[in-house]
């Protein structure tokens, strides 16, 4: 939608200027009149051309969303009108994507939209959980409280995601370094040694390990592009398998059964499930609607189907604990604690306690996995490089021993 730059006066005579998003100039003038501004100039802004690729919409950092949510909650609590609060936060925001989004939300609210419906237009920033909770806050007149809960939830969810990412970063870096080191050895180092051996050996055969490494280097130099093409093909096949529902379910099921990694995935899923659902229930969202949102954010198809089964059983009149147990995804302790929460009417508080416990468990699992992977990867890298070096120096040792 076009953006118009405007200058004008308020009813008090104060000169103001800014931007407004509207389909045309007449609509922009109408929006300004609704804001009780008498425009003296309204011109279309010809900024940089925006190219949007589906699935590649601009994102913002969780920190920006947390700061906005907390600040806006404080403003609402202090009695500031929605539009004024949005205008202040948009003007002072350093993130260009967030700034533009907040101005668009402000304009929508000014033209009669609810805050939740204005946010819903920007799904790349405000997800279904955010919009659902804001809608509940507006209806219940507790928007400031809901925003505080949302800020706390986003903060904890971001911290959990960061912990899991940190567990995967180290082995990936080591693997990349290993590939680079091996490539350099194969392309530059080993051929130099091979040429030297040809001059020194005078037709004699090389030791087995040395000949193996030289043959591998020759193949790598001659067919390196096959390795690159193979890597690209593997990535493309992996993405295709992740998109197909049946293959994705099988892959996710395998991940859950993997040693070490499976336990981490399960604990992360339990922490996310209980934190998200607990936040929604405490904010007045019906449990069925809450489960629909949680199902979409599960991150694992096996867990997603398990949550869907739970939702269907609750719709049939059953409690949550019983179908949770049958999914086989949630540990018995979690199911029992949820059953106690349901029977005492404190399900949201119980969910929060479970989430706190499992977030700590994720921390411990990440530390244990890092401690286990680190020496293994170092031995793996050292072993490969050590084998190549020994293989390259073996002919020299053999000749020295022969003399």
Protein backbone atom coordinates (compact mmCIF):
# COMPACT_ATOMS: atom_id res chain seq x y z
CA UNK A 1 0.00 0.00 0.00
CA UNK A 2 1.36 3.50 -0.85
CA UNK A 3 2.78 5.73 1.89
CA UNK A 4 1.95 9.46 1.93
CA UNK A 5 3.99 12.19 3.60
CA UNK A 6 1.86 14.87 5.18
CA UNK A 7 2.07 18.22 6.97
CA UNK A 8 -0.76 19.83 8.85
CA UNK A 9 -2.14 21.40 12.00
CA UNK A 10 -4.01 20.00 14.95
CA UNK A 11 -7.17 21.69 16.25
CA UNK A 12 -4.96 23.38 18.85
CA UNK A 13 -2.87 24.93 16.05
CA UNK A 14 0.20 22.72 16.59
CA UNK A 15 2.11 22.02 13.36
CA UNK A 16 2.79 18.34 12.77
CA UNK A 17 4.13 16.13 9.99
CA UNK A 18 4.48 12.41 9.41
CA UNK A 19 3.53 9.52 7.15
CA UNK A 20 0.33 7.60 6.60
CA UNK A 21 -0.39 4.42 4.63
CA UNK A 22 -3.48 4.57 2.43
CA UNK A 23 -4.77 3.31 -0.96
CA UNK A 24 -4.84 6.84 -2.42
CA UNK A 25 -4.52 10.53 -1.52
CA UNK A 26 -8.22 10.95 -0.71
CA UNK A 27 -8.09 8.04 1.75
CA UNK A 28 -4.96 9.53 3.34
CA UNK A 29 -6.79 12.86 3.78
CA UNK A 30 -9.72 11.02 5.38
CA UNK A 31 -7.44 9.21 7.85
CA UNK A 32 -5.83 12.55 8.85
CA UNK A 33 -9.26 14.15 9.38
CA UNK A 34 -10.24 11.24 11.66
CA UNK A 35 -7.08 12.01 13.65
CA UNK A 36 -8.33 15.63 13.93
CA UNK A 37 -5.49 16.94 11.78
CA UNK A 38 -6.08 19.62 9.13
CA UNK A 39 -3.62 18.70 6.33
CA UNK A 40 -1.85 21.42 4.39
CA UNK A 41 0.17 19.03 2.22
CA UNK A 42 -0.24 15.34 1.35
CA UNK A 43 2.28 13.84 -1.10
CA UNK A 44 2.97 10.29 -2.15
CA UNK A 45 6.33 9.03 -0.88
CA UNK A 46 8.49 7.37 -3.55
CA UNK A 47 10.92 5.37 -1.45
CA UNK A 48 12.87 2.27 -2.27
CA UNK A 49 10.98 -0.37 -4.26
CA UNK A 50 9.95 -3.19 -1.97
CA UNK A 51 10.28 -6.70 -3.38
CA UNK A 52 8.52 -9.38 -1.36
CA UNK A 53 9.23 -13.06 -1.97
CA UNK A 54 6.63 -15.48 -0.51
CA UNK A 55 8.04 -17.17 2.60
CA UNK A 56 10.88 -14.61 2.79
CA UNK A 57 9.08 -11.80 4.63
CA UNK A 58 11.28 -9.64 6.88
CA UNK A 59 11.59 -10.86 10.45
CA UNK A 60 12.49 -9.08 13.65
CA UNK A 61 14.54 -10.23 16.61
CA UNK A 62 12.60 -11.56 19.64
CA UNK A 63 14.27 -8.84 21.73
CA UNK A 64 12.55 -6.10 19.68
CA UNK A 65 9.17 -7.77 20.15
CA UNK A 66 9.76 -8.23 23.90
CA UNK A 67 10.74 -4.56 24.36
CA UNK A 68 7.72 -3.35 22.39
CA UNK A 69 5.32 -5.62 24.31
CA UNK A 70 6.65 -4.57 27.73
CA UNK A 71 6.68 -0.86 26.89
CA UNK A 72 3.20 -0.98 25.39
CA UNK A 73 1.89 -2.84 28.47
CA UNK A 74 3.30 -0.05 30.68
CA UNK A 75 1.67 2.63 28.51
CA UNK A 76 -1.74 0.89 28.54
CA UNK A 77 -1.47 0.45 32.32
CA UNK A 78 -0.72 4.18 32.65
CA UNK A 79 -3.90 5.02 30.74
CA UNK A 80 -2.45 6.10 27.39
CA UNK A 81 -4.76 5.57 24.39
CA UNK A 82 -3.79 2.77 22.00
CA UNK A 83 -3.07 5.09 19.06
CA UNK A 84 -0.89 7.45 21.07
CA UNK A 85 1.09 4.57 22.57
CA UNK A 86 1.64 2.99 19.14
CA UNK A 87 2.72 6.32 17.64
CA UNK A 88 5.28 6.93 20.42
CA UNK A 89 6.73 3.42 20.20
CA UNK A 90 6.83 3.50 16.38
CA UNK A 91 8.63 6.86 16.34
CA UNK A 92 11.33 5.78 18.81
CA UNK A 93 11.87 2.24 17.43
CA UNK A 94 15.31 1.63 15.85
CA UNK A 95 14.27 -1.51 13.95
CA UNK A 96 13.05 -0.33 10.49
CA UNK A 97 10.76 -3.35 10.01
CA UNK A 98 9.18 -2.91 13.44
CA UNK A 99 8.87 0.86 12.98
CA UNK A 100 7.01 0.50 9.68
CA UNK A 101 4.79 -2.27 11.07
CA UNK A 102 3.80 -0.24 14.14
CA UNK A 103 2.87 2.77 11.99
CA UNK A 104 0.69 0.48 9.85
CA UNK A 105 -0.95 -1.00 12.97
CA UNK A 106 -1.56 2.52 14.31
CA UNK A 107 -3.22 3.59 11.04
CA UNK A 108 -5.47 0.50 11.08
CA UNK A 109 -6.52 1.13 14.69
CA UNK A 110 -7.27 4.77 13.83
CA UNK A 111 -9.55 3.70 11.00
CA UNK A 112 -11.64 1.51 13.30
CA UNK A 113 -9.86 -1.87 13.44
CA UNK A 114 -9.36 -3.64 16.74
CA UNK A 115 -5.77 -3.91 17.95
CA UNK A 116 -5.83 -7.70 17.46
CA UNK A 117 -7.15 -7.55 13.87
CA UNK A 118 -4.55 -4.87 13.03
CA UNK A 119 -1.78 -7.14 14.36
CA UNK A 120 -3.17 -10.14 12.46
CA UNK A 121 -2.19 -8.52 9.14
CA UNK A 122 1.49 -8.87 10.09
CA UNK A 123 1.84 -12.62 10.71
CA UNK A 124 5.58 -12.50 10.03
CA UNK A 125 5.93 -10.60 13.34
CA UNK A 126 2.82 -11.30 15.41
CA UNK A 127 1.99 -15.02 15.37
CA UNK A 128 -1.37 -16.66 16.09
CA UNK A 129 -0.60 -16.98 19.80
CA UNK A 130 0.18 -13.25 20.09
CA UNK A 131 -2.98 -12.22 18.22
CA UNK A 132 -5.21 -14.65 20.18
CA UNK A 133 -3.97 -13.38 23.54
CA UNK A 134 -4.29 -9.72 22.52
CA UNK A 135 -7.84 -10.40 21.34
CA UNK A 136 -8.67 -12.01 24.71
CA UNK A 137 -7.08 -9.05 26.51
CA UNK A 138 -9.16 -6.56 24.53
CA UNK A 139 -12.39 -8.46 25.17
CA UNK A 140 -11.64 -8.87 28.89
CA UNK A 141 -10.34 -5.34 29.42
CA UNK A 142 -6.99 -6.66 30.70
CA UNK A 143 -4.77 -5.85 27.73
CA UNK A 144 -1.92 -4.56 29.91
CA UNK A 145 -1.84 -7.81 31.94
CA UNK A 146 -1.97 -9.93 28.80
CA UNK A 147 0.90 -7.98 27.21
CA UNK A 148 3.03 -8.50 30.33
CA UNK A 149 2.35 -12.26 30.14
CA UNK A 150 3.15 -12.24 26.43
CA UNK A 151 6.48 -10.48 27.02
CA UNK A 152 7.43 -13.03 29.69
CA UNK A 153 6.38 -15.90 27.41
CA UNK A 154 8.35 -14.62 24.40
CA UNK A 155 11.39 -14.09 26.62
CA UNK A 156 11.29 -17.67 27.94
CA UNK A 157 10.55 -19.16 24.50
CA UNK A 158 13.48 -17.25 22.96
CA UNK A 159 15.79 -18.42 25.75
CA UNK A 160 14.69 -22.04 25.21
CA UNK A 161 15.28 -21.79 21.45
CA UNK A 162 18.71 -20.25 22.05
CA UNK A 163 19.72 -23.15 24.34
CA UNK A 164 18.75 -25.75 21.74
CA UNK A 165 20.55 -23.84 18.97
CA UNK A 166 23.69 -23.60 21.09
CA UNK A 167 23.68 -27.40 21.43
CA UNK A 168 23.75 -27.80 17.64
CA UNK A 169 26.14 -24.95 16.77
CA UNK A 170 29.36 -26.54 18.07
CA UNK A 171 29.15 -29.88 16.18
CA UNK A 172 28.11 -28.07 12.97
CA UNK A 173 31.11 -25.72 13.21
CA UNK A 174 33.49 -28.65 13.84
CA UNK A 175 31.99 -30.54 10.87
CA UNK A 176 32.45 -27.53 8.56
CA UNK A 177 36.05 -27.06 9.76
CA UNK A 178 36.71 -30.77 9.16
CA UNK A 179 35.38 -30.58 5.58
CA UNK A 180 37.47 -27.46 4.86
CA UNK A 181 40.66 -28.96 6.33
CA UNK A 182 40.20 -32.23 4.40
CA UNK A 183 39.51 -30.29 1.17
CA UNK A 184 42.72 -28.24 1.58
CA UNK A 185 44.74 -31.41 2.30
CA UNK A 186 43.29 -33.26 -0.69
CA UNK A 187 43.70 -30.42 -3.21
CA UNK A 188 46.96 -28.75 -2.17
CA UNK A 189 49.00 -30.73 0.41
CA UNK A 190 48.73 -34.38 -0.73
CA UNK A 191 49.47 -33.67 -4.46
CA UNK A 192 52.72 -31.92 -3.40
CA UNK A 193 53.72 -34.98 -1.35
CA UNK A 194 52.72 -37.32 -4.20
CA UNK A 195 54.99 -35.49 -6.64
CA UNK A 196 57.87 -35.66 -4.16
CA UNK A 197 57.33 -39.41 -3.63
CA UNK A 198 57.38 -40.08 -7.39
CA UNK A 199 60.85 -38.50 -7.58
CA UNK A 200 62.12 -40.26 -4.43
CA UNK A 201 60.73 -43.78 -4.82
CA UNK A 202 62.15 -44.40 -8.31
CA UNK A 203 59.38 -46.81 -9.33
CA UNK A 204 59.03 -48.53 -5.96
CA UNK A 205 55.53 -49.04 -4.60
CA UNK A 206 54.28 -46.78 -1.80
CA UNK A 207 52.99 -48.05 1.56
CA UNK A 208 49.29 -49.00 1.52
CA UNK A 209 47.97 -46.05 3.65
CA UNK A 210 49.98 -43.55 1.58
CA UNK A 211 48.72 -44.93 -1.73
CA UNK A 212 45.13 -44.91 -0.38
CA UNK A 213 45.34 -41.23 0.58
CA UNK A 214 46.94 -40.28 -2.76
CA UNK A 215 44.23 -42.18 -4.68
CA UNK A 216 41.56 -40.39 -2.65
CA UNK A 217 43.21 -37.04 -3.42
CA UNK A 218 43.32 -37.84 -7.16
CA UNK A 219 39.64 -38.82 -7.14
CA UNK A 220 38.68 -35.70 -5.14
CA UNK A 221 40.51 -33.38 -7.56
CA UNK A 222 39.04 -35.12 -10.63
CA UNK A 223 35.50 -35.50 -9.26
CA UNK A 224 35.19 -32.76 -6.65
CA UNK A 225 32.22 -31.25 -8.44
CA UNK A 226 30.37 -34.56 -7.95
CA UNK A 227 30.83 -34.18 -4.19
CA UNK A 228 29.47 -30.61 -4.31
CA UNK A 229 26.54 -31.67 -6.52
CA UNK A 230 25.90 -34.62 -4.20
CA UNK A 231 25.82 -32.31 -1.19
CA UNK A 232 23.34 -29.98 -2.91
CA UNK A 233 21.20 -32.97 -3.95
CA UNK A 234 21.14 -34.28 -0.37
CA UNK A 235 19.99 -30.87 0.90
CA UNK A 236 17.24 -30.66 -1.74
CA UNK A 237 16.06 -34.22 -1.05
CA UNK A 238 16.04 -33.50 2.68
CA UNK A 239 13.88 -30.40 2.15
CA UNK A 240 11.50 -32.34 -0.08
CA UNK A 241 11.18 -35.10 2.53
CA UNK A 242 10.49 -32.52 5.26
CA UNK A 243 7.69 -31.01 3.16
CA UNK A 244 5.90 -34.30 2.50
CA UNK A 245 3.66 -35.18 5.45
CA UNK A 246 4.29 -38.96 5.50
CA UNK A 247 8.08 -38.76 5.24
CA UNK A 248 8.23 -35.91 7.73
CA UNK A 249 6.29 -37.96 10.26
CA UNK A 250 8.72 -40.89 9.86
CA UNK A 251 11.75 -38.58 10.19
CA UNK A 252 10.31 -36.87 13.28
CA UNK A 253 9.55 -40.27 14.84
CA UNK A 254 13.17 -41.35 14.22
CA UNK A 255 14.44 -38.11 15.78
CA UNK A 256 12.41 -38.76 18.93
CA UNK A 257 13.95 -42.24 19.29
CA UNK A 258 17.54 -41.13 18.73
CA UNK A 259 19.87 -41.44 21.73
CA UNK A 260 20.65 -38.11 23.44
CA UNK A 261 19.02 -35.98 20.69
CA UNK A 262 15.61 -37.68 21.11
CA UNK A 263 15.52 -36.87 24.81
CA UNK A 264 16.43 -33.23 24.12
CA UNK A 265 13.69 -32.91 21.46
CA UNK A 266 11.10 -34.42 23.82
CA UNK A 267 12.04 -32.17 26.75
CA UNK A 268 12.01 -29.10 24.51
CA UNK A 269 8.56 -30.05 23.15
CA UNK A 270 7.14 -30.60 26.66
CA UNK A 271 8.54 -27.25 27.85
CA UNK A 272 7.10 -25.43 24.81
CA UNK A 273 3.72 -27.19 25.07
CA UNK A 274 3.20 -26.49 28.78
CA UNK A 275 4.51 -22.90 28.61
CA UNK A 276 2.35 -21.96 25.63
CA UNK A 277 -0.84 -23.68 26.79
CA UNK A 278 -0.40 -22.45 30.38
CA UNK A 279 -0.02 -18.85 29.16
CA UNK A 280 -3.15 -19.12 27.01
CA UNK A 281 -5.31 -20.74 29.71
CA UNK A 282 -4.25 -18.16 32.32
CA UNK A 283 -5.22 -15.43 29.82
CA UNK A 284 -8.76 -16.76 29.41
CA UNK A 285 -8.34 -18.59 26.09
CA UNK A 286 -10.55 -21.72 25.88
CA UNK A 287 -8.51 -24.93 26.11
CA UNK A 288 -9.61 -26.17 22.65
CA UNK A 289 -8.49 -22.92 20.99
CA UNK A 290 -5.27 -23.06 23.00
CA UNK A 291 -4.53 -26.62 21.83
CA UNK A 292 -5.12 -25.58 18.20
CA UNK A 293 -2.44 -22.91 18.53
CA UNK A 294 -0.04 -25.22 20.43
CA UNK A 295 -0.51 -27.94 17.80
CA UNK A 296 0.79 -25.59 15.07
CA UNK A 297 3.87 -24.63 17.10
CA UNK A 298 4.84 -28.17 18.18
CA UNK A 299 7.78 -28.39 15.74
CA UNK A 300 7.53 -32.19 15.51
CA UNK A 301 4.78 -34.00 13.58
CA UNK A 302 4.56 -36.90 16.05
CA UNK A 303 3.96 -34.46 18.89
CA UNK A 304 1.63 -32.41 16.67
CA UNK A 305 -0.57 -35.47 16.00
CA UNK A 306 -0.51 -36.34 19.69
CA UNK A 307 -1.80 -32.87 20.61
CA UNK A 308 -4.47 -33.13 17.89
CA UNK A 309 -5.63 -36.43 19.41
CA UNK A 310 -5.80 -34.81 22.85
CA UNK A 311 -7.89 -31.95 21.43
CA UNK A 312 -10.32 -34.39 19.76
CA UNK A 313 -10.73 -36.43 22.97
CA UNK A 314 -11.41 -33.28 25.02
CA UNK A 315 -14.08 -32.30 22.48
CA UNK A 316 -15.65 -35.71 23.15
CA UNK A 317 -15.84 -34.85 26.86
CA UNK A 318 -12.69 -36.45 28.27
CA UNK A 319 -10.08 -34.82 30.48
CA UNK A 320 -6.67 -33.82 29.10
CA UNK A 321 -4.55 -36.21 31.18
CA UNK A 322 -6.00 -39.48 29.86
CA UNK A 323 -5.42 -38.91 26.10
CA UNK A 324 -2.03 -37.31 26.86
CA UNK A 325 -0.87 -40.61 28.34
CA UNK A 326 -1.96 -42.58 25.24
CA UNK A 327 0.12 -40.40 22.89
CA UNK A 328 3.34 -41.91 24.28
CA UNK A 329 5.10 -38.56 23.86
CA UNK A 330 4.56 -36.99 27.27
CA UNK A 331 6.34 -38.53 30.30
CA UNK A 332 4.11 -40.05 33.04
CA UNK A 333 5.19 -37.38 35.54
CA UNK A 334 3.92 -34.62 33.23
CA UNK A 335 0.59 -36.41 32.70
CA UNK A 336 0.12 -36.92 36.46
CA UNK A 337 0.88 -33.27 37.23
CA UNK A 338 -1.60 -32.14 34.57
CA UNK A 339 -4.22 -34.50 36.04
CA UNK A 340 -3.67 -32.90 39.47
CA UNK A 341 -3.94 -29.43 37.89
CA UNK A 342 -7.23 -30.34 36.23
CA UNK A 343 -8.73 -31.81 39.41
CA UNK A 344 -7.72 -28.79 41.54
CA UNK A 345 -8.69 -26.16 38.96
CA UNK A 346 -5.13 -24.83 38.78
CA UNK A 347 -4.12 -26.19 35.39
CA UNK A 348 -2.40 -22.97 34.26
CA UNK A 349 -0.24 -22.81 37.41
CA UNK A 350 0.66 -26.50 37.07
CA UNK A 351 1.58 -25.99 33.40
CA UNK A 352 3.88 -23.13 34.42
CA UNK A 353 5.64 -25.33 37.01
CA UNK A 354 6.12 -28.14 34.48
CA UNK A 355 7.53 -25.65 31.95
CA UNK A 356 9.99 -24.27 34.53
CA UNK A 357 11.15 -27.79 35.38
CA UNK A 358 11.59 -28.92 31.76
CA UNK A 359 13.34 -25.72 30.70
CA UNK A 360 15.90 -26.49 33.41
CA UNK A 361 16.04 -30.08 32.13
CA UNK A 362 16.76 -28.76 28.62
CA UNK A 363 19.63 -26.70 30.08
CA UNK A 364 21.09 -29.79 31.72
CA UNK A 365 20.60 -31.90 28.57
CA UNK A 366 22.35 -29.28 26.42
CA UNK A 367 25.30 -29.12 28.84
CA UNK A 368 25.57 -32.93 28.93
CA UNK A 369 25.34 -33.25 25.17
CA UNK A 370 27.94 -30.53 24.58
CA UNK A 371 30.28 -32.19 27.08
CA UNK A 372 29.86 -35.52 25.25
CA UNK A 373 30.07 -34.21 21.68
CA UNK A 374 33.07 -31.91 22.18
CA UNK A 375 35.72 -34.62 22.84
CA UNK A 376 34.16 -36.94 20.24
CA UNK A 377 34.36 -34.29 17.51
CA UNK A 378 37.92 -33.35 18.47
CA UNK A 379 38.99 -37.02 18.34
CA UNK A 380 37.20 -37.39 14.99
CA UNK A 381 38.93 -34.34 13.47
CA UNK A 382 42.28 -35.21 15.03
CA UNK A 383 42.02 -38.82 13.87
CA UNK A 384 41.42 -37.89 10.22
CA UNK A 385 44.21 -35.30 10.10
CA UNK A 386 46.53 -37.63 12.04
CA UNK A 387 45.92 -40.51 9.63
CA UNK A 388 46.65 -38.30 6.60
CA UNK A 389 49.87 -36.93 8.14
CA UNK A 390 51.13 -40.39 9.15
CA UNK A 391 50.28 -41.74 5.67
CA UNK A 392 52.24 -38.89 4.05
CA UNK A 393 55.32 -39.32 6.25
CA UNK A 394 55.30 -43.14 6.16
CA UNK A 395 57.39 -43.41 2.93
CA UNK A 396 59.99 -41.04 4.42
CA UNK A 397 60.22 -43.17 7.58
CA UNK A 398 60.45 -46.34 5.43
CA UNK A 399 63.31 -44.92 3.35
CA UNK A 400 65.12 -43.65 6.45
CA UNK A 401 64.81 -47.14 8.03
CA UNK A 402 66.07 -48.77 4.84
CA UNK A 403 69.22 -46.69 4.88
